[in-house]
Amino acid sequence: MFSGIIQATARVKAVEEAKKIKRVRIEAPRGWKLALGASVNVDGVCSTVVKKGAGYFDVEYMPETLSKTTVGKFTRFNLVNLERSLKYGQPIDGHPVQGHVDCAAPIREIVQKGASREFVIKPSAPLARAAILHGSIAINGVSLTIAKKHGPNITVALIPYTLKHTNLGSLKVGDLVNVEFDHSRAYLDKVRRK
């Protein structure tokens, strides 16, 4: 479980594929001590540390993850958002993020609003219908609020701090982002139907 508050960005150092598994080597942020088997949120995807060394850690992705997230497009030098998993008792400054990406969606429009920016994304229609206006959403692992809903399009607003301290500030129209909707609503709906 994560909070959607990005702790660092880092570059992909290497990528290799074998037997339908993609292994990605990522620069370890200064001061991070990761154990083998630890969970790290990499651009919104819950990822398991399978190897570590001086200044790096490796994660692996299976075909299911490659098919529905942006990690299939990771290449050397990609900048990724990172967050370590929460420990009991830590504050959740964003919202509960599982790292189970619902889809990769394109950025349809970027609107500059002074120093802030709005991103318009278009997930699939069934997923967009499940989104709640002013509810939480994670984009590339970043906890954000749904500012507007219009048809299948969803708008999120980003403050300058978020643009500077995550990889969202470098994105452009047409780029794909990992989207995870707040799953608490789905759980509540199931409980209400019983």
N, C-alpha and C. Protein backbone atom coordinates (compact mmCIF):
# COMPACT_ATOMS: atom_id res chain seq x y z
N MET A 1 0.85 -1.19 0.00
CA MET A 1 0.00 0.00 0.00
C MET A 1 0.89 1.24 0.00
N PHE A 2 0.44 2.24 -0.74
CA PHE A 2 1.18 3.48 -0.89
C PHE A 2 0.24 4.66 -0.61
N SER A 3 0.80 5.86 -0.59
CA SER A 3 -0.03 7.03 -0.31
C SER A 3 -0.17 7.96 -1.51
N GLY A 4 0.60 7.70 -2.58
CA GLY A 4 0.54 8.57 -3.75
C GLY A 4 1.35 9.85 -3.59
N ILE A 5 2.18 9.90 -2.54
CA ILE A 5 3.08 11.04 -2.34
C ILE A 5 4.47 10.59 -2.80
N ILE A 6 4.90 11.06 -3.94
CA ILE A 6 6.15 10.60 -4.55
C ILE A 6 7.33 11.06 -3.71
N GLN A 7 8.22 10.11 -3.41
CA GLN A 7 9.39 10.40 -2.56
C GLN A 7 10.63 10.74 -3.37
N ALA A 8 10.68 10.29 -4.62
CA ALA A 8 11.86 10.56 -5.46
C ALA A 8 11.51 10.27 -6.91
N THR A 9 12.30 10.84 -7.81
CA THR A 9 12.29 10.41 -9.20
C THR A 9 13.68 9.86 -9.50
N ALA A 10 13.74 8.93 -10.45
CA ALA A 10 15.03 8.32 -10.80
C ALA A 10 14.99 7.88 -12.25
N ARG A 11 16.18 7.64 -12.79
CA ARG A 11 16.29 7.20 -14.18
C ARG A 11 16.36 5.68 -14.27
N VAL A 12 15.79 5.16 -15.35
CA VAL A 12 15.96 3.75 -15.69
C VAL A 12 17.38 3.60 -16.22
N LYS A 13 18.12 2.65 -15.65
CA LYS A 13 19.52 2.44 -16.05
C LYS A 13 19.65 1.40 -17.16
N ALA A 14 18.76 0.40 -17.16
CA ALA A 14 18.84 -0.68 -18.16
C ALA A 14 17.51 -1.41 -18.21
N VAL A 15 17.25 -2.02 -19.36
CA VAL A 15 16.04 -2.81 -19.57
C VAL A 15 16.43 -4.06 -20.34
N GLU A 16 15.92 -5.21 -19.90
CA GLU A 16 16.14 -6.43 -20.69
C GLU A 16 14.89 -7.29 -20.61
N GLU A 17 14.66 -8.05 -21.69
CA GLU A 17 13.49 -8.93 -21.75
C GLU A 17 13.91 -10.34 -22.09
N ALA A 18 13.34 -11.30 -21.37
CA ALA A 18 13.60 -12.72 -21.61
C ALA A 18 12.43 -13.51 -21.06
N LYS A 19 11.99 -14.51 -21.83
CA LYS A 19 10.91 -15.40 -21.41
C LYS A 19 9.66 -14.63 -20.98
N LYS A 20 9.33 -13.60 -21.74
CA LYS A 20 8.14 -12.77 -21.53
C LYS A 20 8.16 -11.99 -20.22
N ILE A 21 9.33 -11.84 -19.64
CA ILE A 21 9.50 -11.03 -18.43
C ILE A 21 10.40 -9.84 -18.78
N LYS A 22 9.98 -8.65 -18.33
CA LYS A 22 10.80 -7.46 -18.55
C LYS A 22 11.45 -7.09 -17.22
N ARG A 23 12.78 -7.05 -17.21
CA ARG A 23 13.52 -6.64 -16.03
C ARG A 23 14.00 -5.21 -16.25
N VAL A 24 13.74 -4.36 -15.25
CA VAL A 24 14.09 -2.95 -15.34
C VAL A 24 15.03 -2.62 -14.18
N ARG A 25 16.17 -2.03 -14.50
CA ARG A 25 17.12 -1.57 -13.48
C ARG A 25 16.93 -0.07 -13.29
N ILE A 26 16.76 0.35 -12.04
CA ILE A 26 16.45 1.74 -11.71
C ILE A 26 17.50 2.27 -10.74
N GLU A 27 17.90 3.51 -10.95
CA GLU A 27 18.80 4.17 -10.00
C GLU A 27 18.15 4.19 -8.62
N ALA A 28 18.88 3.79 -7.60
CA ALA A 28 18.35 3.87 -6.24
C ALA A 28 18.58 5.29 -5.71
N PRO A 29 17.53 5.93 -5.23
CA PRO A 29 17.71 7.27 -4.67
C PRO A 29 18.69 7.25 -3.49
N ARG A 30 19.42 8.32 -3.32
CA ARG A 30 20.41 8.42 -2.25
C ARG A 30 19.73 8.21 -0.89
N GLY A 31 20.31 7.33 -0.09
CA GLY A 31 19.80 7.07 1.25
C GLY A 31 18.75 5.98 1.33
N TRP A 32 18.27 5.50 0.19
CA TRP A 32 17.26 4.44 0.22
C TRP A 32 17.92 3.10 0.53
N LYS A 33 17.36 2.38 1.49
CA LYS A 33 17.80 1.02 1.80
C LYS A 33 16.63 0.10 1.50
N LEU A 34 16.73 -0.65 0.42
CA LEU A 34 15.66 -1.55 0.01
C LEU A 34 16.05 -2.99 0.24
N ALA A 35 15.13 -3.77 0.75
CA ALA A 35 15.37 -5.20 0.95
C ALA A 35 14.88 -5.96 -0.27
N LEU A 36 15.49 -7.11 -0.55
CA LEU A 36 14.96 -7.98 -1.60
C LEU A 36 13.53 -8.36 -1.23
N GLY A 37 12.64 -8.32 -2.21
CA GLY A 37 11.23 -8.62 -1.97
C GLY A 37 10.41 -7.42 -1.54
N ALA A 38 11.05 -6.28 -1.31
CA ALA A 38 10.32 -5.07 -0.92
C ALA A 38 9.46 -4.57 -2.07
N SER A 39 8.36 -3.91 -1.73
CA SER A 39 7.48 -3.31 -2.73
C SER A 39 7.83 -1.84 -2.92
N VAL A 40 7.94 -1.44 -4.18
CA VAL A 40 8.19 -0.04 -4.54
C VAL A 40 7.18 0.35 -5.61
N ASN A 41 6.59 1.52 -5.45
CA ASN A 41 5.68 2.04 -6.45
C ASN A 41 6.54 2.71 -7.53
N VAL A 42 6.53 2.14 -8.73
CA VAL A 42 7.30 2.67 -9.86
C VAL A 42 6.31 3.21 -10.89
N ASP A 43 6.19 4.51 -10.99
CA ASP A 43 5.23 5.14 -11.90
C ASP A 43 3.81 4.61 -11.71
N GLY A 44 3.47 4.31 -10.45
CA GLY A 44 2.12 3.85 -10.15
C GLY A 44 1.96 2.35 -10.11
N VAL A 45 2.99 1.61 -10.47
CA VAL A 45 2.90 0.14 -10.53
C VAL A 45 3.61 -0.45 -9.31
N CYS A 46 2.89 -1.24 -8.52
CA CYS A 46 3.50 -1.93 -7.39
C CYS A 46 4.51 -2.93 -7.94
N SER A 47 5.78 -2.76 -7.56
CA SER A 47 6.88 -3.52 -8.14
C SER A 47 7.71 -4.15 -7.03
N THR A 48 8.18 -5.38 -7.27
CA THR A 48 8.96 -6.11 -6.28
C THR A 48 10.45 -6.01 -6.59
N VAL A 49 11.24 -5.67 -5.59
CA VAL A 49 12.69 -5.60 -5.75
C VAL A 49 13.23 -7.03 -5.84
N VAL A 50 13.82 -7.38 -6.99
CA VAL A 50 14.32 -8.75 -7.20
C VAL A 50 15.85 -8.82 -7.13
N LYS A 51 16.50 -7.66 -7.20
CA LYS A 51 17.95 -7.60 -7.11
C LYS A 51 18.32 -6.18 -6.72
N LYS A 52 19.44 -6.04 -6.00
CA LYS A 52 19.91 -4.70 -5.66
C LYS A 52 21.42 -4.70 -5.66
N GLY A 53 21.97 -3.53 -5.87
CA GLY A 53 23.42 -3.38 -5.89
C GLY A 53 23.78 -1.95 -5.56
N ALA A 54 25.03 -1.60 -5.76
CA ALA A 54 25.50 -0.25 -5.45
C ALA A 54 24.82 0.76 -6.37
N GLY A 55 23.87 1.49 -5.83
CA GLY A 55 23.23 2.57 -6.58
C GLY A 55 22.12 2.14 -7.51
N TYR A 56 21.61 0.90 -7.39
CA TYR A 56 20.51 0.48 -8.26
C TYR A 56 19.67 -0.60 -7.58
N PHE A 57 18.48 -0.81 -8.14
CA PHE A 57 17.66 -1.98 -7.80
C PHE A 57 16.93 -2.42 -9.06
N ASP A 58 16.62 -3.72 -9.13
CA ASP A 58 15.92 -4.30 -10.28
C ASP A 58 14.51 -4.71 -9.89
N VAL A 59 13.58 -4.53 -10.82
CA VAL A 59 12.20 -5.01 -10.68
C VAL A 59 11.85 -5.77 -11.96
N GLU A 60 10.86 -6.64 -11.87
CA GLU A 60 10.45 -7.43 -13.04
C GLU A 60 8.95 -7.30 -13.26
N TYR A 61 8.56 -7.40 -14.55
CA TYR A 61 7.16 -7.28 -14.91
C TYR A 61 6.75 -8.42 -15.83
N MET A 62 5.57 -8.98 -15.55
CA MET A 62 5.03 -10.09 -16.34
C MET A 62 4.12 -9.55 -17.45
N PRO A 63 3.70 -10.42 -18.38
CA PRO A 63 2.89 -9.95 -19.52
C PRO A 63 1.63 -9.18 -19.14
N GLU A 64 0.92 -9.60 -18.08
CA GLU A 64 -0.30 -8.90 -17.68
C GLU A 64 0.00 -7.43 -17.37
N THR A 65 1.06 -7.18 -16.62
CA THR A 65 1.43 -5.80 -16.27
C THR A 65 1.88 -5.04 -17.51
N LEU A 66 2.66 -5.70 -18.37
CA LEU A 66 3.15 -5.06 -19.58
C LEU A 66 2.01 -4.64 -20.50
N SER A 67 0.92 -5.42 -20.49
CA SER A 67 -0.19 -5.16 -21.42
C SER A 67 -1.08 -4.00 -20.99
N LYS A 68 -1.10 -3.67 -19.68
CA LYS A 68 -2.06 -2.65 -19.24
C LYS A 68 -1.43 -1.44 -18.58
N THR A 69 -0.10 -1.35 -18.60
CA THR A 69 0.58 -0.20 -18.01
C THR A 69 1.61 0.35 -19.00
N THR A 70 2.30 1.39 -18.60
CA THR A 70 3.32 1.99 -19.46
C THR A 70 4.68 1.31 -19.32
N VAL A 71 4.83 0.36 -18.38
CA VAL A 71 6.16 -0.22 -18.17
C VAL A 71 6.66 -0.98 -19.40
N GLY A 72 5.75 -1.43 -20.24
CA GLY A 72 6.16 -2.08 -21.48
C GLY A 72 6.94 -1.15 -22.40
N LYS A 73 6.78 0.16 -22.19
CA LYS A 73 7.47 1.16 -23.01
C LYS A 73 8.71 1.74 -22.31
N PHE A 74 9.01 1.27 -21.11
CA PHE A 74 10.19 1.79 -20.41
C PHE A 74 11.45 1.52 -21.22
N THR A 75 12.28 2.54 -21.34
CA THR A 75 13.59 2.40 -21.99
C THR A 75 14.63 3.07 -21.10
N ARG A 76 15.88 2.84 -21.44
CA ARG A 76 16.97 3.45 -20.67
C ARG A 76 16.80 4.97 -20.65
N PHE A 77 17.05 5.55 -19.51
CA PHE A 77 16.99 6.99 -19.23
C PHE A 77 15.58 7.51 -18.95
N ASN A 78 14.53 6.67 -19.07
CA ASN A 78 13.20 7.13 -18.66
C ASN A 78 13.24 7.62 -17.22
N LEU A 79 12.54 8.71 -16.95
CA LEU A 79 12.42 9.22 -15.59
C LEU A 79 11.15 8.63 -14.97
N VAL A 80 11.28 8.00 -13.80
CA VAL A 80 10.13 7.36 -13.17
C VAL A 80 9.92 7.92 -11.76
N ASN A 81 8.65 7.92 -11.34
CA ASN A 81 8.28 8.32 -9.98
C ASN A 81 8.45 7.12 -9.06
N LEU A 82 8.94 7.36 -7.84
CA LEU A 82 9.16 6.28 -6.88
C LEU A 82 8.56 6.61 -5.53
N GLU A 83 7.98 5.58 -4.91
CA GLU A 83 7.50 5.68 -3.53
C GLU A 83 7.66 4.33 -2.87
N ARG A 84 8.24 4.31 -1.67
CA ARG A 84 8.34 3.07 -0.90
C ARG A 84 7.00 2.77 -0.24
N SER A 85 6.78 1.50 0.06
CA SER A 85 5.50 1.12 0.66
C SER A 85 5.37 1.70 2.06
N LEU A 86 4.13 1.92 2.46
CA LEU A 86 3.84 2.49 3.76
C LEU A 86 4.10 1.48 4.88
N LYS A 87 4.42 2.00 6.06
CA LYS A 87 4.50 1.19 7.26
C LYS A 87 3.35 1.62 8.16
N TYR A 88 2.84 0.67 8.95
CA TYR A 88 1.75 1.02 9.85
C TYR A 88 2.16 2.19 10.75
N GLY A 89 1.25 3.14 10.88
CA GLY A 89 1.51 4.30 11.72
C GLY A 89 1.99 5.51 10.94
N GLN A 90 2.41 5.32 9.67
CA GLN A 90 2.84 6.46 8.86
C GLN A 90 1.63 7.26 8.40
N PRO A 91 1.78 8.58 8.28
CA PRO A 91 0.66 9.38 7.77
C PRO A 91 0.41 9.10 6.29
N ILE A 92 -0.87 9.14 5.92
CA ILE A 92 -1.24 9.03 4.50
C ILE A 92 -1.65 10.43 4.06
N ASP A 93 -0.70 11.12 3.44
CA ASP A 93 -0.95 12.50 3.04
C ASP A 93 -1.72 12.59 1.73
N GLY A 94 -1.73 11.51 0.95
CA GLY A 94 -2.47 11.50 -0.31
C GLY A 94 -3.75 10.71 -0.13
N HIS A 95 -3.82 9.53 -0.73
CA HIS A 95 -4.94 8.60 -0.52
C HIS A 95 -4.39 7.19 -0.67
N PRO A 96 -5.10 6.17 -0.18
CA PRO A 96 -4.58 4.81 -0.31
C PRO A 96 -4.44 4.40 -1.78
N VAL A 97 -3.22 4.09 -2.18
CA VAL A 97 -2.90 3.68 -3.55
C VAL A 97 -2.37 2.25 -3.49
N GLN A 98 -2.97 1.36 -4.27
CA GLN A 98 -2.56 -0.04 -4.23
C GLN A 98 -1.39 -0.35 -5.15
N GLY A 99 -1.23 0.46 -6.18
CA GLY A 99 -0.22 0.13 -7.19
C GLY A 99 -0.73 -0.88 -8.20
N HIS A 100 -2.06 -1.06 -8.22
CA HIS A 100 -2.71 -1.95 -9.19
C HIS A 100 -3.36 -1.07 -10.26
N VAL A 101 -2.62 -0.82 -11.30
CA VAL A 101 -3.03 0.14 -12.33
C VAL A 101 -4.26 -0.39 -13.09
N ASP A 102 -5.25 0.48 -13.27
CA ASP A 102 -6.46 0.11 -14.00
C ASP A 102 -6.25 0.16 -15.51
N CYS A 103 -5.47 1.15 -15.96
CA CYS A 103 -5.22 1.28 -17.40
C CYS A 103 -4.11 2.29 -17.65
N ALA A 104 -3.59 2.24 -18.86
CA ALA A 104 -2.72 3.31 -19.35
C ALA A 104 -3.59 4.17 -20.26
N ALA A 105 -3.63 5.46 -20.00
CA ALA A 105 -4.51 6.35 -20.76
C ALA A 105 -3.69 7.49 -21.36
N PRO A 106 -4.11 7.98 -22.53
CA PRO A 106 -3.38 9.10 -23.15
C PRO A 106 -3.75 10.44 -22.55
N ILE A 107 -2.77 11.33 -22.54
CA ILE A 107 -3.05 12.73 -22.20
C ILE A 107 -3.61 13.38 -23.47
N ARG A 108 -4.83 13.87 -23.38
CA ARG A 108 -5.48 14.46 -24.56
C ARG A 108 -5.20 15.95 -24.69
N GLU A 109 -5.01 16.60 -23.55
CA GLU A 109 -4.82 18.06 -23.58
C GLU A 109 -4.07 18.48 -22.31
N ILE A 110 -3.24 19.49 -22.44
CA ILE A 110 -2.58 20.10 -21.30
C ILE A 110 -2.88 21.60 -21.35
N VAL A 111 -3.46 22.10 -20.28
CA VAL A 111 -3.84 23.51 -20.22
C VAL A 111 -3.02 24.19 -19.14
N GLN A 112 -2.26 25.21 -19.52
CA GLN A 112 -1.46 25.97 -18.56
C GLN A 112 -2.37 26.98 -17.89
N LYS A 113 -2.37 26.97 -16.56
CA LYS A 113 -3.19 27.92 -15.78
C LYS A 113 -2.26 28.68 -14.85
N GLY A 114 -1.59 29.70 -15.38
CA GLY A 114 -0.59 30.39 -14.59
C GLY A 114 0.58 29.44 -14.35
N ALA A 115 0.93 29.24 -13.08
CA ALA A 115 2.03 28.33 -12.75
C ALA A 115 1.56 26.88 -12.63
N SER A 116 0.27 26.66 -12.60
CA SER A 116 -0.27 25.30 -12.51
C SER A 116 -0.67 24.80 -13.90
N ARG A 117 -1.02 23.52 -13.96
CA ARG A 117 -1.42 22.91 -15.23
C ARG A 117 -2.59 21.97 -15.01
N GLU A 118 -3.42 21.85 -16.02
CA GLU A 118 -4.47 20.83 -16.01
C GLU A 118 -4.16 19.81 -17.09
N PHE A 119 -4.31 18.53 -16.73
CA PHE A 119 -4.18 17.43 -17.69
C PHE A 119 -5.56 16.87 -17.94
N VAL A 120 -5.88 16.67 -19.20
CA VAL A 120 -7.11 15.97 -19.57
C VAL A 120 -6.70 14.60 -20.07
N ILE A 121 -7.19 13.55 -19.40
CA ILE A 121 -6.88 12.18 -19.82
C ILE A 121 -8.15 11.48 -20.24
N LYS A 122 -7.98 10.42 -21.05
CA LYS A 122 -9.14 9.68 -21.52
C LYS A 122 -8.94 8.19 -21.26
N PRO A 123 -9.41 7.71 -20.09
CA PRO A 123 -9.41 6.26 -19.86
C PRO A 123 -10.56 5.62 -20.64
N SER A 124 -10.67 4.32 -20.59
CA SER A 124 -11.78 3.65 -21.27
C SER A 124 -13.10 4.11 -20.64
N ALA A 125 -14.17 4.09 -21.42
CA ALA A 125 -15.46 4.61 -20.96
C ALA A 125 -15.96 3.95 -19.67
N PRO A 126 -15.90 2.60 -19.54
CA PRO A 126 -16.39 2.01 -18.28
C PRO A 126 -15.60 2.50 -17.06
N LEU A 127 -14.30 2.66 -17.20
CA LEU A 127 -13.50 3.16 -16.09
C LEU A 127 -13.82 4.61 -15.79
N ALA A 128 -13.99 5.42 -16.84
CA ALA A 128 -14.30 6.83 -16.65
C ALA A 128 -15.63 7.00 -15.92
N ARG A 129 -16.60 6.11 -16.19
CA ARG A 129 -17.89 6.19 -15.51
C ARG A 129 -17.76 5.95 -14.01
N ALA A 130 -16.78 5.15 -13.62
CA ALA A 130 -16.58 4.82 -12.21
C ALA A 130 -15.90 5.95 -11.44
N ALA A 131 -15.33 6.92 -12.16
CA ALA A 131 -14.62 8.03 -11.51
C ALA A 131 -15.60 8.97 -10.83
N ILE A 132 -15.20 9.48 -9.68
CA ILE A 132 -16.05 10.39 -8.90
C ILE A 132 -15.48 11.80 -8.97
N LEU A 133 -16.31 12.76 -9.35
CA LEU A 133 -15.90 14.15 -9.36
C LEU A 133 -15.40 14.54 -7.97
N HIS A 134 -14.22 15.13 -7.91
CA HIS A 134 -13.55 15.53 -6.68
C HIS A 134 -13.08 14.34 -5.85
N GLY A 135 -13.13 13.15 -6.43
CA GLY A 135 -12.58 11.96 -5.79
C GLY A 135 -11.11 11.83 -6.11
N SER A 136 -10.48 10.82 -5.53
CA SER A 136 -9.05 10.62 -5.72
C SER A 136 -8.75 9.76 -6.93
N ILE A 137 -7.58 10.00 -7.51
CA ILE A 137 -7.07 9.23 -8.64
C ILE A 137 -5.55 9.27 -8.56
N ALA A 138 -4.89 8.20 -8.97
CA ALA A 138 -3.42 8.20 -9.02
C ALA A 138 -2.99 8.20 -10.49
N ILE A 139 -2.15 9.15 -10.85
CA ILE A 139 -1.59 9.26 -12.19
C ILE A 139 -0.08 9.06 -12.06
N ASN A 140 0.45 8.01 -12.70
CA ASN A 140 1.87 7.65 -12.55
C ASN A 140 2.27 7.58 -11.08
N GLY A 141 1.32 7.12 -10.25
CA GLY A 141 1.58 6.95 -8.83
C GLY A 141 1.34 8.17 -7.98
N VAL A 142 1.00 9.31 -8.60
CA VAL A 142 0.81 10.57 -7.88
C VAL A 142 -0.65 10.71 -7.46
N SER A 143 -0.89 10.91 -6.18
CA SER A 143 -2.25 11.13 -5.68
C SER A 143 -2.76 12.50 -6.13
N LEU A 144 -3.88 12.49 -6.87
CA LEU A 144 -4.47 13.72 -7.39
C LEU A 144 -5.98 13.70 -7.17
N THR A 145 -6.60 14.83 -7.42
CA THR A 145 -8.05 14.95 -7.29
C THR A 145 -8.66 15.15 -8.67
N ILE A 146 -9.77 14.48 -8.92
CA ILE A 146 -10.48 14.67 -10.19
C ILE A 146 -11.18 16.02 -10.14
N ALA A 147 -10.69 16.95 -10.94
CA ALA A 147 -11.22 18.32 -10.93
C ALA A 147 -12.47 18.47 -11.79
N LYS A 148 -12.50 17.72 -12.92
CA LYS A 148 -13.64 17.81 -13.83
C LYS A 148 -13.86 16.45 -14.48
N LYS A 149 -15.12 16.19 -14.82
CA LYS A 149 -15.48 15.02 -15.63
C LYS A 149 -16.33 15.52 -16.78
N HIS A 150 -15.97 15.14 -18.01
CA HIS A 150 -16.76 15.57 -19.16
C HIS A 150 -16.71 14.44 -20.18
N GLY A 151 -17.85 13.72 -20.28
CA GLY A 151 -17.89 12.53 -21.13
C GLY A 151 -16.88 11.52 -20.60
N PRO A 152 -16.09 10.93 -21.51
CA PRO A 152 -15.09 9.96 -21.06
C PRO A 152 -13.79 10.61 -20.57
N ASN A 153 -13.74 11.94 -20.61
CA ASN A 153 -12.52 12.65 -20.24
C ASN A 153 -12.52 13.04 -18.77
N ILE A 154 -11.34 12.99 -18.17
CA ILE A 154 -11.15 13.36 -16.77
C ILE A 154 -10.05 14.41 -16.71
N THR A 155 -10.28 15.45 -15.93
CA THR A 155 -9.28 16.51 -15.77
C THR A 155 -8.73 16.48 -14.34
N VAL A 156 -7.40 16.56 -14.25
CA VAL A 156 -6.74 16.71 -12.96
C VAL A 156 -5.92 17.99 -13.00
N ALA A 157 -5.78 18.64 -11.85
CA ALA A 157 -5.01 19.88 -11.77
C ALA A 157 -3.75 19.64 -10.97
N LEU A 158 -2.63 20.19 -11.45
CA LEU A 158 -1.33 19.97 -10.82
C LEU A 158 -0.72 21.29 -10.38
N ILE A 159 -0.32 21.34 -9.11
CA ILE A 159 0.34 22.53 -8.57
C ILE A 159 1.81 22.52 -8.99
N PRO A 160 2.47 23.67 -8.93
CA PRO A 160 3.87 23.73 -9.34
C PRO A 160 4.78 22.73 -8.61
N TYR A 161 4.54 22.50 -7.31
CA TYR A 161 5.38 21.56 -6.56
C TYR A 161 5.33 20.17 -7.19
N THR A 162 4.14 19.72 -7.53
CA THR A 162 3.98 18.39 -8.15
C THR A 162 4.67 18.34 -9.51
N LEU A 163 4.53 19.39 -10.30
CA LEU A 163 5.16 19.44 -11.61
C LEU A 163 6.68 19.38 -11.50
N LYS A 164 7.23 19.98 -10.44
CA LYS A 164 8.68 20.03 -10.27
C LYS A 164 9.25 18.75 -9.66
N HIS A 165 8.50 18.08 -8.77
CA HIS A 165 9.04 16.96 -8.00
C HIS A 165 8.57 15.59 -8.47
N THR A 166 7.88 15.52 -9.60
CA THR A 166 7.48 14.24 -10.20
C THR A 166 7.78 14.30 -11.70
N ASN A 167 7.57 13.18 -12.38
CA ASN A 167 7.79 13.20 -13.83
C ASN A 167 6.61 13.78 -14.60
N LEU A 168 5.54 14.18 -13.90
CA LEU A 168 4.38 14.73 -14.61
C LEU A 168 4.71 16.05 -15.30
N GLY A 169 5.66 16.80 -14.77
CA GLY A 169 6.02 18.08 -15.37
C GLY A 169 6.66 17.96 -16.73
N SER A 170 7.17 16.78 -17.08
CA SER A 170 7.84 16.60 -18.38
C SER A 170 6.94 15.95 -19.43
N LEU A 171 5.71 15.63 -19.06
CA LEU A 171 4.82 14.95 -20.01
C LEU A 171 4.23 15.92 -21.02
N LYS A 172 3.85 15.34 -22.17
CA LYS A 172 3.23 16.14 -23.22
C LYS A 172 2.00 15.44 -23.78
N VAL A 173 1.24 16.15 -24.57
CA VAL A 173 0.02 15.59 -25.17
C VAL A 173 0.39 14.35 -25.97
N GLY A 174 -0.41 13.29 -25.79
CA GLY A 174 -0.17 12.03 -26.49
C GLY A 174 0.56 11.01 -25.63
N ASP A 175 1.27 11.47 -24.59
CA ASP A 175 1.95 10.52 -23.70
C ASP A 175 0.93 9.68 -22.94
N LEU A 176 1.30 8.44 -22.67
CA LEU A 176 0.46 7.56 -21.87
C LEU A 176 0.84 7.68 -20.40
N VAL A 177 -0.16 7.63 -19.53
CA VAL A 177 0.08 7.64 -18.08
C VAL A 177 -0.64 6.46 -17.45
N ASN A 178 -0.08 5.96 -16.35
CA ASN A 178 -0.72 4.88 -15.59
C ASN A 178 -1.80 5.49 -14.70
N VAL A 179 -2.99 4.90 -14.75
CA VAL A 179 -4.14 5.43 -14.02
C VAL A 179 -4.65 4.37 -13.06
N GLU A 180 -4.79 4.76 -11.80
CA GLU A 180 -5.45 3.90 -10.81
C GLU A 180 -6.55 4.72 -10.15
N PHE A 181 -7.77 4.23 -10.28
CA PHE A 181 -8.89 4.90 -9.62
C PHE A 181 -8.93 4.50 -8.16
N ASP A 182 -9.59 5.32 -7.35
CA ASP A 182 -9.74 5.03 -5.93
C ASP A 182 -10.68 3.83 -5.80
N HIS A 183 -10.15 2.71 -5.35
CA HIS A 183 -10.93 1.47 -5.29
C HIS A 183 -11.89 1.42 -4.11
N SER A 184 -11.81 2.38 -3.20
CA SER A 184 -12.68 2.33 -2.03
C SER A 184 -14.15 2.46 -2.43
N ARG A 185 -14.43 3.21 -3.51
CA ARG A 185 -15.82 3.34 -3.95
C ARG A 185 -16.36 2.00 -4.42
N ALA A 186 -15.55 1.23 -5.17
CA ALA A 186 -16.01 -0.07 -5.66
C ALA A 186 -16.33 -1.00 -4.50
N TYR A 187 -15.50 -0.96 -3.45
CA TYR A 187 -15.77 -1.79 -2.28
C TYR A 187 -17.05 -1.37 -1.60
N LEU A 188 -17.27 -0.06 -1.45
CA LEU A 188 -18.49 0.43 -0.82
C LEU A 188 -19.73 0.04 -1.62
N ASP A 189 -19.63 0.13 -2.95
CA ASP A 189 -20.77 -0.24 -3.80
C ASP A 189 -21.11 -1.71 -3.63
N LYS A 190 -20.09 -2.58 -3.52
CA LYS A 190 -20.35 -4.01 -3.32
C LYS A 190 -21.02 -4.26 -1.99
N VAL A 191 -20.59 -3.57 -0.95
CA VAL A 191 -21.18 -3.73 0.38
C VAL A 191 -22.63 -3.29 0.37
N ARG A 192 -22.91 -2.16 -0.31
CA ARG A 192 -24.28 -1.64 -0.36
C ARG A 192 -25.22 -2.59 -1.11
N ARG A 193 -24.68 -3.29 -2.13
CA ARG A 193 -25.52 -4.19 -2.93
C ARG A 193 -25.87 -5.47 -2.17
N LYS A 194 -25.12 -5.81 -1.13
CA LYS A 194 -25.39 -7.05 -0.38
C LYS A 194 -26.57 -6.92 0.54
